[in-house]
Amino acid sequence: MKQRFLVALAIMPPVLIALWLGEIWWGAVIVLVSMLGGLEFYGLMRLGGYRPDRPVGLIWLLLIVLSHWSDFPVPLLTLLTAGFILTLIRSLYQTQQPLTNWTITSAGAIYLGVMLGQALALRLLPNGLWWTLLALFITWANDTFAYFVGITIGRHKIWPRLSPKKSWEGTIGGWIFAAAVGAAFAYFTPIVAGPAIGAFIGLGGGVLALFGDLAISMLKRQVGAKDSGIIMPGHGGMLDRLDSLLFVIPFVYQIAYWLT
């Protein structure tokens, strides 16, 4: 626990500073995170015996992320189409599981690229700083409170095969706290949403955070890995830290897009 806290303490200041500075700085953080996450994803797949096209997948992922920048010259739909075709052609030359490897290459690039691209797009919206902080805070509130409630009174496991430590008591406690944080954030900050909408965003984000966590857990269990990587001592890999956010940020982005 001490190691986790110290690592988080070291990482948070530069990330928050980049978020505050915006655009190019936040974009650099998202690009770095996406590349590390992509390396871990394709590394896990290779650990599981698959052979995704890692170089093409990483380039495709990067371009998808950058396409969420308003000045990027190539539309997202064009990148998706071109990437599908290129990876399919390259997969045809593989002798083992070409269809599976094509699917995995595409899944990694699109999943991480689209989800993390919206983290960039969210910051570029009017009041994007506050909307992004809202997404980060409700995710943190949900995960933190779920953990402490779970270890205190957690008895009923949600899905022992995928995530043996998660309990219904901790999960529901996390949802309640995330809703409270969302309501308070909406009340005290300049985002265009009242406390009721803020509570809805917090609750919805809490629910989606669970599925984001389970999605990465499913991925790790599929290939027999405990953590997605070792880049952050005490935390595991980048995907271990991104799991909840990968579902929460797109949810907040959709709401912010329509409200701003």
C-alpha atoms as a PDB file:
ATOM      1  CA  MET A   1       0.000   0.000   0.000  1.00  0.00           C
ATOM      2  CA  LYS A   2       2.837   2.404   0.861  1.00  0.00           C
ATOM      3  CA  GLN A   3       4.528   1.727  -2.467  1.00  0.00           C
ATOM      4  CA  ARG A   4       1.267   2.304  -4.353  1.00  0.00           C
ATOM      5  CA  PHE A   5       0.779   5.620  -2.568  1.00  0.00           C
ATOM      6  CA  LEU A   6       4.327   6.833  -3.280  1.00  0.00           C
ATOM      7  CA  VAL A   7       4.133   5.917  -6.965  1.00  0.00           C
ATOM      8  CA  ALA A   8       0.760   7.650  -7.305  1.00  0.00           C
ATOM      9  CA  LEU A   9       2.165  10.702  -5.518  1.00  0.00           C
ATOM     10  CA  ALA A  10       5.048  10.863  -7.997  1.00  0.00           C
ATOM     11  CA  ILE A  11       2.852  10.457 -11.082  1.00  0.00           C
ATOM     12  CA  MET A  12      -0.063  12.751 -10.267  1.00  0.00           C
ATOM     13  CA  PRO A  13       1.679  16.184 -10.228  1.00  0.00           C
ATOM     14  CA  PRO A  14       3.106  16.054 -13.795  1.00  0.00           C
ATOM     15  CA  VAL A  15      -0.158  14.633 -15.133  1.00  0.00           C
ATOM     16  CA  LEU A  16      -2.235  17.361 -13.460  1.00  0.00           C
ATOM     17  CA  ILE A  17       0.186  20.061 -14.607  1.00  0.00           C
ATOM     18  CA  ALA A  18      -0.081  18.824 -18.203  1.00  0.00           C
ATOM     19  CA  LEU A  19      -3.867  18.764 -17.863  1.00  0.00           C
ATOM     20  CA  TRP A  20      -3.849  22.333 -16.574  1.00  0.00           C
ATOM     21  CA  LEU A  21      -1.569  23.563 -19.375  1.00  0.00           C
ATOM     22  CA  GLY A  22      -3.796  21.876 -21.939  1.00  0.00           C
ATOM     23  CA  GLU A  23      -3.612  21.096 -25.643  1.00  0.00           C
ATOM     24  CA  ILE A  24      -0.023  20.176 -26.612  1.00  0.00           C
ATOM     25  CA  TRP A  25       1.000  19.182 -23.078  1.00  0.00           C
ATOM     26  CA  TRP A  26      -2.074  17.085 -22.420  1.00  0.00           C
ATOM     27  CA  GLY A  27      -1.782  15.669 -25.923  1.00  0.00           C
ATOM     28  CA  ALA A  28       1.771  14.552 -25.167  1.00  0.00           C
ATOM     29  CA  VAL A  29       0.592  12.759 -22.019  1.00  0.00           C
ATOM     30  CA  ILE A  30      -2.216  11.003 -23.896  1.00  0.00           C
ATOM     31  CA  VAL A  31       0.166   9.934 -26.685  1.00  0.00           C
ATOM     32  CA  LEU A  32       2.656   8.544 -24.147  1.00  0.00           C
ATOM     33  CA  VAL A  33      -0.066   6.733 -22.231  1.00  0.00           C
ATOM     34  CA  SER A  34      -1.575   5.296 -25.408  1.00  0.00           C
ATOM     35  CA  MET A  35       1.781   3.962 -26.613  1.00  0.00           C
ATOM     36  CA  LEU A  36       2.571   2.351 -23.270  1.00  0.00           C
ATOM     37  CA  GLY A  37      -0.923   0.882 -23.115  1.00  0.00           C
ATOM     38  CA  GLY A  38      -0.617  -0.407 -26.679  1.00  0.00           C
ATOM     39  CA  LEU A  39       2.733  -2.052 -25.970  1.00  0.00           C
ATOM     40  CA  GLU A  40       1.217  -3.777 -22.951  1.00  0.00           C
ATOM     41  CA  PHE A  41      -1.872  -4.902 -24.869  1.00  0.00           C
ATOM     42  CA  TYR A  42       0.077  -6.470 -27.712  1.00  0.00           C
ATOM     43  CA  GLY A  43       2.609  -7.871 -25.258  1.00  0.00           C
ATOM     44  CA  LEU A  44      -0.178  -9.614 -23.353  1.00  0.00           C
ATOM     45  CA  MET A  45      -1.529 -11.035 -26.577  1.00  0.00           C
ATOM     46  CA  ARG A  46       1.872 -12.430 -27.513  1.00  0.00           C
ATOM     47  CA  LEU A  47       2.102 -13.904 -24.020  1.00  0.00           C
ATOM     48  CA  GLY A  48      -1.154 -15.697 -24.791  1.00  0.00           C
ATOM     49  CA  GLY A  49       0.300 -17.258 -27.930  1.00  0.00           C
ATOM     50  CA  TYR A  50      -1.154 -14.821 -30.478  1.00  0.00           C
ATOM     51  CA  ARG A  51       0.854 -12.852 -33.028  1.00  0.00           C
ATOM     52  CA  PRO A  52      -0.713  -9.420 -33.533  1.00  0.00           C
ATOM     53  CA  ASP A  53       0.955  -7.002 -35.930  1.00  0.00           C
ATOM     54  CA  ARG A  54       2.425  -4.811 -33.221  1.00  0.00           C
ATOM     55  CA  PRO A  55       4.182  -2.136 -35.341  1.00  0.00           C
ATOM     56  CA  VAL A  56       1.117  -1.476 -37.491  1.00  0.00           C
ATOM     57  CA  GLY A  57      -1.171  -1.696 -34.473  1.00  0.00           C
ATOM     58  CA  LEU A  58       0.806   0.925 -32.552  1.00  0.00           C
ATOM     59  CA  ILE A  59       0.965   3.326 -35.501  1.00  0.00           C
ATOM     60  CA  TRP A  60      -2.749   2.837 -36.124  1.00  0.00           C
ATOM     61  CA  LEU A  61      -3.484   3.444 -32.425  1.00  0.00           C
ATOM     62  CA  LEU A  62      -1.422   6.643 -32.439  1.00  0.00           C
ATOM     63  CA  LEU A  63      -3.193   8.016 -35.520  1.00  0.00           C
ATOM     64  CA  ILE A  64      -6.612   7.245 -34.058  1.00  0.00           C
ATOM     65  CA  VAL A  65      -5.707   9.156 -30.897  1.00  0.00           C
ATOM     66  CA  LEU A  66      -4.384  12.123 -32.884  1.00  0.00           C
ATOM     67  CA  SER A  67      -7.497  12.161 -35.083  1.00  0.00           C
ATOM     68  CA  HIS A  68      -9.415  13.479 -32.067  1.00  0.00           C
ATOM     69  CA  TRP A  69      -7.382  16.678 -32.349  1.00  0.00           C
ATOM     70  CA  SER A  70      -9.547  19.217 -34.151  1.00  0.00           C
ATOM     71  CA  ASP A  71      -6.718  20.239 -36.535  1.00  0.00           C
ATOM     72  CA  PHE A  72      -5.726  16.689 -37.503  1.00  0.00           C
ATOM     73  CA  PRO A  73      -6.062  16.397 -41.306  1.00  0.00           C
ATOM     74  CA  VAL A  74      -7.311  12.787 -41.582  1.00  0.00           C
ATOM     75  CA  PRO A  75     -10.854  11.908 -40.383  1.00  0.00           C
ATOM     76  CA  LEU A  76     -11.319   9.065 -37.907  1.00  0.00           C
ATOM     77  CA  LEU A  77     -13.485   7.042 -40.308  1.00  0.00           C
ATOM     78  CA  THR A  78     -10.747   7.156 -42.948  1.00  0.00           C
ATOM     79  CA  LEU A  79      -8.173   5.911 -40.437  1.00  0.00           C
ATOM     80  CA  LEU A  80     -10.423   3.081 -39.320  1.00  0.00           C
ATOM     81  CA  THR A  81     -11.054   1.951 -42.894  1.00  0.00           C
ATOM     82  CA  ALA A  82      -7.411   2.204 -43.973  1.00  0.00           C
ATOM     83  CA  GLY A  83      -6.238   0.430 -40.839  1.00  0.00           C
ATOM     84  CA  PHE A  84      -8.656  -2.452 -41.320  1.00  0.00           C
ATOM     85  CA  ILE A  85      -7.491  -2.958 -44.896  1.00  0.00           C
ATOM     86  CA  LEU A  86      -3.765  -2.688 -44.156  1.00  0.00           C
ATOM     87  CA  THR A  87      -3.842  -5.055 -41.188  1.00  0.00           C
ATOM     88  CA  LEU A  88      -5.946  -7.534 -43.156  1.00  0.00           C
ATOM     89  CA  ILE A  89      -3.481  -7.533 -46.051  1.00  0.00           C
ATOM     90  CA  ARG A  90      -0.526  -8.030 -43.705  1.00  0.00           C
ATOM     91  CA  SER A  91      -2.372 -10.796 -41.830  1.00  0.00           C
ATOM     92  CA  LEU A  92      -2.864 -12.740 -45.076  1.00  0.00           C
ATOM     93  CA  TYR A  93       0.883 -13.398 -45.127  1.00  0.00           C
ATOM     94  CA  GLN A  94       0.857 -14.975 -41.666  1.00  0.00           C
ATOM     95  CA  THR A  95       0.931 -18.758 -41.631  1.00  0.00           C
ATOM     96  CA  GLN A  96      -0.857 -19.256 -38.295  1.00  0.00           C
ATOM     97  CA  GLN A  97      -4.202 -17.785 -37.155  1.00  0.00           C
ATOM     98  CA  PRO A  98      -4.248 -14.883 -39.643  1.00  0.00           C
ATOM     99  CA  LEU A  99      -7.898 -14.018 -38.904  1.00  0.00           C
ATOM    100  CA  THR A 100      -7.376 -14.085 -35.138  1.00  0.00           C
ATOM    101  CA  ASN A 101      -4.233 -11.971 -35.337  1.00  0.00           C
ATOM    102  CA  TRP A 102      -5.943  -9.453 -37.635  1.00  0.00           C
ATOM    103  CA  THR A 103      -8.845  -9.181 -35.183  1.00  0.00           C
ATOM    104  CA  ILE A 104      -6.546  -8.729 -32.177  1.00  0.00           C
ATOM    105  CA  THR A 105      -4.431  -6.094 -33.945  1.00  0.00           C
ATOM    106  CA  SER A 106      -7.576  -4.168 -34.854  1.00  0.00           C
ATOM    107  CA  ALA A 107      -9.140  -4.548 -31.411  1.00  0.00           C
ATOM    108  CA  GLY A 108      -6.102  -3.136 -29.597  1.00  0.00           C
ATOM    109  CA  ALA A 109      -5.712  -0.133 -31.877  1.00  0.00           C
ATOM    110  CA  ILE A 110      -9.408   0.756 -31.951  1.00  0.00           C
ATOM    111  CA  TYR A 111     -10.179   0.073 -28.286  1.00  0.00           C
ATOM    112  CA  LEU A 112      -7.302   2.088 -26.883  1.00  0.00           C
ATOM    113  CA  GLY A 113      -7.218   4.649 -29.699  1.00  0.00           C
ATOM    114  CA  VAL A 114     -10.881   5.617 -29.568  1.00  0.00           C
ATOM    115  CA  MET A 115     -11.134   5.577 -25.782  1.00  0.00           C
ATOM    116  CA  LEU A 116      -7.937   7.547 -25.142  1.00  0.00           C
ATOM    117  CA  GLY A 117      -8.585   9.849 -28.095  1.00  0.00           C
ATOM    118  CA  GLN A 118     -11.703  11.013 -26.292  1.00  0.00           C
ATOM    119  CA  ALA A 119      -9.553  11.934 -23.295  1.00  0.00           C
ATOM    120  CA  LEU A 120      -7.807  14.361 -25.639  1.00  0.00           C
ATOM    121  CA  ALA A 121     -11.055  15.570 -27.195  1.00  0.00           C
ATOM    122  CA  LEU A 122     -12.613  16.108 -23.767  1.00  0.00           C
ATOM    123  CA  ARG A 123      -9.838  18.486 -22.702  1.00  0.00           C
ATOM    124  CA  LEU A 124     -10.289  20.517 -25.915  1.00  0.00           C
ATOM    125  CA  LEU A 125     -13.975  21.222 -25.216  1.00  0.00           C
ATOM    126  CA  PRO A 126     -15.081  24.500 -23.578  1.00  0.00           C
ATOM    127  CA  ASN A 127     -14.407  24.051 -19.857  1.00  0.00           C
ATOM    128  CA  GLY A 128     -12.577  20.901 -20.886  1.00  0.00           C
ATOM    129  CA  LEU A 129     -10.230  21.170 -17.921  1.00  0.00           C
ATOM    130  CA  TRP A 130     -13.144  20.849 -15.515  1.00  0.00           C
ATOM    131  CA  TRP A 131     -14.859  18.091 -17.462  1.00  0.00           C
ATOM    132  CA  THR A 132     -11.650  16.061 -17.533  1.00  0.00           C
ATOM    133  CA  LEU A 133     -11.124  16.609 -13.815  1.00  0.00           C
ATOM    134  CA  LEU A 134     -14.691  15.438 -13.249  1.00  0.00           C
ATOM    135  CA  ALA A 135     -13.954  12.180 -15.086  1.00  0.00           C
ATOM    136  CA  LEU A 136     -10.745  11.689 -13.098  1.00  0.00           C
ATOM    137  CA  PHE A 137     -12.330  12.539  -9.749  1.00  0.00           C
ATOM    138  CA  ILE A 138     -15.365  10.282 -10.071  1.00  0.00           C
ATOM    139  CA  THR A 139     -13.123   7.414 -11.174  1.00  0.00           C
ATOM    140  CA  TRP A 140     -10.800   8.000  -8.245  1.00  0.00           C
ATOM    141  CA  ALA A 141     -13.723   8.359  -5.829  1.00  0.00           C
ATOM    142  CA  ASN A 142     -15.363   5.189  -7.086  1.00  0.00           C
ATOM    143  CA  ASP A 143     -12.211   3.062  -7.010  1.00  0.00           C
ATOM    144  CA  THR A 144     -10.965   4.373  -3.664  1.00  0.00           C
ATOM    145  CA  PHE A 145     -14.236   4.124  -1.768  1.00  0.00           C
ATOM    146  CA  ALA A 146     -15.044   0.731  -3.318  1.00  0.00           C
ATOM    147  CA  TYR A 147     -11.681  -0.549  -2.102  1.00  0.00           C
ATOM    148  CA  PHE A 148     -12.085   0.628   1.498  1.00  0.00           C
ATOM    149  CA  VAL A 149     -15.713  -0.440   1.786  1.00  0.00           C
ATOM    150  CA  GLY A 150     -14.840  -3.778   0.208  1.00  0.00           C
ATOM    151  CA  ILE A 151     -12.027  -4.613   2.626  1.00  0.00           C
ATOM    152  CA  THR A 152     -14.186  -3.470   5.567  1.00  0.00           C
ATOM    153  CA  ILE A 153     -17.578  -5.074   4.979  1.00  0.00           C
ATOM    154  CA  GLY A 154     -17.299  -6.813   1.599  1.00  0.00           C
ATOM    155  CA  ARG A 155     -18.751 -10.309   1.698  1.00  0.00           C
ATOM    156  CA  HIS A 156     -20.490 -11.076  -1.595  1.00  0.00           C
ATOM    157  CA  LYS A 157     -18.180 -11.416  -4.595  1.00  0.00           C
ATOM    158  CA  ILE A 158     -19.265 -10.020  -7.971  1.00  0.00           C
ATOM    159  CA  TRP A 159     -17.269 -12.201 -10.331  1.00  0.00           C
ATOM    160  CA  PRO A 160     -14.641 -14.299  -8.535  1.00  0.00           C
ATOM    161  CA  ARG A 161     -13.199 -15.761 -11.737  1.00  0.00           C
ATOM    162  CA  LEU A 162     -12.348 -12.347 -13.221  1.00  0.00           C
ATOM    163  CA  SER A 163     -11.831 -10.166 -10.176  1.00  0.00           C
ATOM    164  CA  PRO A 164     -11.747 -12.186  -6.947  1.00  0.00           C
ATOM    165  CA  LYS A 165     -11.372  -9.176  -4.638  1.00  0.00           C
ATOM    166  CA  LYS A 166     -14.377  -7.181  -5.844  1.00  0.00           C
ATOM    167  CA  SER A 167     -17.504  -7.353  -3.693  1.00  0.00           C
ATOM    168  CA  TRP A 168     -21.013  -6.036  -4.207  1.00  0.00           C
ATOM    169  CA  GLU A 169     -20.774  -4.064  -0.963  1.00  0.00           C
ATOM    170  CA  GLY A 170     -17.620  -2.268  -2.045  1.00  0.00           C
ATOM    171  CA  THR A 171     -18.892  -1.709  -5.562  1.00  0.00           C
ATOM    172  CA  ILE A 172     -22.182  -0.159  -4.470  1.00  0.00           C
ATOM    173  CA  GLY A 173     -20.336   1.970  -1.916  1.00  0.00           C
ATOM    174  CA  GLY A 174     -18.091   3.222  -4.712  1.00  0.00           C
ATOM    175  CA  TRP A 175     -21.092   4.085  -6.874  1.00  0.00           C
ATOM    176  CA  ILE A 176     -22.693   6.098  -4.073  1.00  0.00           C
ATOM    177  CA  PHE A 177     -19.521   8.044  -3.371  1.00  0.00           C
ATOM    178  CA  ALA A 178     -18.906   8.675  -7.079  1.00  0.00           C
ATOM    179  CA  ALA A 179     -22.444  10.070  -7.382  1.00  0.00           C
ATOM    180  CA  ALA A 180     -21.851  12.356  -4.389  1.00  0.00           C
ATOM    181  CA  VAL A 181     -18.553  13.593  -5.824  1.00  0.00           C
ATOM    182  CA  GLY A 182     -20.200  14.196  -9.207  1.00  0.00           C
ATOM    183  CA  ALA A 183     -22.974  16.259  -7.607  1.00  0.00           C
ATOM    184  CA  ALA A 184     -20.527  18.325  -5.548  1.00  0.00           C
ATOM    185  CA  PHE A 185     -18.235  18.879  -8.525  1.00  0.00           C
ATOM    186  CA  ALA A 186     -21.099  20.084 -10.697  1.00  0.00           C
ATOM    187  CA  TYR A 187     -22.210  22.486  -7.972  1.00  0.00           C
ATOM    188  CA  PHE A 188     -18.833  24.060  -7.241  1.00  0.00           C
ATOM    189  CA  THR A 189     -17.253  24.213 -10.715  1.00  0.00           C
ATOM    190  CA  PRO A 190     -18.182  26.061 -13.930  1.00  0.00           C
ATOM    191  CA  ILE A 191     -19.242  22.994 -15.926  1.00  0.00           C
ATOM    192  CA  VAL A 192     -22.690  23.395 -17.481  1.00  0.00           C
ATOM    193  CA  ALA A 193     -24.503  20.889 -15.289  1.00  0.00           C
ATOM    194  CA  GLY A 194     -26.447  21.019 -12.048  1.00  0.00           C
ATOM    195  CA  PRO A 195     -25.952  18.707  -9.046  1.00  0.00           C
ATOM    196  CA  ALA A 196     -28.571  16.246 -10.317  1.00  0.00           C
ATOM    197  CA  ILE A 197     -26.774  15.826 -13.638  1.00  0.00           C
ATOM    198  CA  GLY A 198     -23.460  15.675 -11.803  1.00  0.00           C
ATOM    199  CA  ALA A 199     -24.794  12.868  -9.604  1.00  0.00           C
ATOM    200  CA  PHE A 200     -26.029  11.029 -12.689  1.00  0.00           C
ATOM    201  CA  ILE A 201     -22.601  11.365 -14.311  1.00  0.00           C
ATOM    202  CA  GLY A 202     -20.935  10.132 -11.125  1.00  0.00           C
ATOM    203  CA  LEU A 203     -23.246   7.137 -10.809  1.00  0.00           C
ATOM    204  CA  GLY A 204     -23.005   6.268 -14.491  1.00  0.00           C
ATOM    205  CA  GLY A 205     -19.233   6.650 -14.382  1.00  0.00           C
ATOM    206  CA  GLY A 206     -19.038   4.396 -11.333  1.00  0.00           C
ATOM    207  CA  VAL A 207     -21.032   1.658 -13.051  1.00  0.00           C
ATOM    208  CA  LEU A 208     -18.948   1.917 -16.223  1.00  0.00           C
ATOM    209  CA  ALA A 209     -15.731   1.909 -14.193  1.00  0.00           C
ATOM    210  CA  LEU A 210     -16.649  -1.567 -12.976  1.00  0.00           C
ATOM    211  CA  PHE A 211     -17.002  -2.858 -16.539  1.00  0.00           C
ATOM    212  CA  GLY A 212     -13.772  -1.160 -17.585  1.00  0.00           C
ATOM    213  CA  ASP A 213     -12.005  -2.934 -14.746  1.00  0.00           C
ATOM    214  CA  LEU A 214     -13.584  -6.286 -15.609  1.00  0.00           C
ATOM    215  CA  ALA A 215     -12.674  -5.875 -19.284  1.00  0.00           C
ATOM    216  CA  ILE A 216      -8.955  -5.599 -18.518  1.00  0.00           C
ATOM    217  CA  SER A 217      -9.251  -8.378 -15.923  1.00  0.00           C
ATOM    218  CA  MET A 218     -10.810 -10.596 -18.588  1.00  0.00           C
ATOM    219  CA  LEU A 219      -7.925  -9.787 -20.910  1.00  0.00           C
ATOM    220  CA  LYS A 220      -5.323 -10.689 -18.281  1.00  0.00           C
ATOM    221  CA  ARG A 221      -7.075 -13.902 -17.235  1.00  0.00           C
ATOM    222  CA  GLN A 222      -7.320 -14.950 -20.883  1.00  0.00           C
ATOM    223  CA  VAL A 223      -3.525 -14.987 -21.200  1.00  0.00           C
ATOM    224  CA  GLY A 224      -2.703 -15.983 -17.623  1.00  0.00           C
ATOM    225  CA  ALA A 225      -1.202 -12.669 -16.464  1.00  0.00           C
ATOM    226  CA  LYS A 226      -1.639 -11.129 -13.018  1.00  0.00           C
ATOM    227  CA  ASP A 227      -0.750  -7.593 -14.131  1.00  0.00           C
ATOM    228  CA  SER A 228      -0.658  -5.949 -17.543  1.00  0.00           C
ATOM    229  CA  GLY A 229       2.920  -4.793 -16.959  1.00  0.00           C
ATOM    230  CA  ILE A 230       5.501  -3.674 -14.411  1.00  0.00           C
ATOM    231  CA  ILE A 231       5.918  -0.019 -15.321  1.00  0.00           C
ATOM    232  CA  MET A 232       4.402   1.222 -12.040  1.00  0.00           C
ATOM    233  CA  PRO A 233       5.553  -0.685  -8.938  1.00  0.00           C
ATOM    234  CA  GLY A 234       2.630  -1.533  -6.691  1.00  0.00           C
ATOM    235  CA  HIS A 235       0.131  -0.707  -9.422  1.00  0.00           C
ATOM    236  CA  GLY A 236       1.128  -3.076 -12.216  1.00  0.00           C
ATOM    237  CA  GLY A 237       1.049  -1.773 -15.762  1.00  0.00           C
ATOM    238  CA  MET A 238      -0.480   1.142 -17.596  1.00  0.00           C
ATOM    239  CA  LEU A 239      -3.592  -0.835 -18.509  1.00  0.00           C
ATOM    240  CA  ASP A 240      -4.062  -1.699 -14.831  1.00  0.00           C
ATOM    241  CA  ARG A 241      -4.322   2.036 -14.113  1.00  0.00           C
ATOM    242  CA  LEU A 242      -6.369   2.878 -17.203  1.00  0.00           C
ATOM    243  CA  ASP A 243      -8.960   0.125 -16.901  1.00  0.00           C
ATOM    244  CA  SER A 244     -11.758   2.157 -15.288  1.00  0.00           C
ATOM    245  CA  LEU A 245     -10.925   5.400 -17.091  1.00  0.00           C
ATOM    246  CA  LEU A 246     -11.172   3.747 -20.501  1.00  0.00           C
ATOM    247  CA  PHE A 247     -14.928   3.495 -19.970  1.00  0.00           C
ATOM    248  CA  VAL A 248     -15.522   6.576 -17.809  1.00  0.00           C
ATOM    249  CA  ILE A 249     -13.867   9.235 -19.994  1.00  0.00           C
ATOM    250  CA  PRO A 250     -15.875   8.441 -23.172  1.00  0.00           C
ATOM    251  CA  PHE A 251     -19.078   8.529 -21.098  1.00  0.00           C
ATOM    252  CA  VAL A 252     -18.233  11.952 -19.672  1.00  0.00           C
ATOM    253  CA  TYR A 253     -17.139  13.162 -23.107  1.00  0.00           C
ATOM    254  CA  GLN A 254     -20.483  12.274 -24.708  1.00  0.00           C
ATOM    255  CA  ILE A 255     -22.389  14.186 -22.031  1.00  0.00           C
ATOM    256  CA  ALA A 256     -20.015  17.156 -22.100  1.00  0.00           C
ATOM    257  CA  TYR A 257     -20.168  17.307 -25.909  1.00  0.00           C
ATOM    258  CA  TRP A 258     -23.944  17.687 -25.890  1.00  0.00           C
ATOM    259  CA  LEU A 259     -24.051  20.091 -22.955  1.00  0.00           C
ATOM    260  CA  THR A 260     -21.358  22.503 -24.211  1.00  0.00           C
END
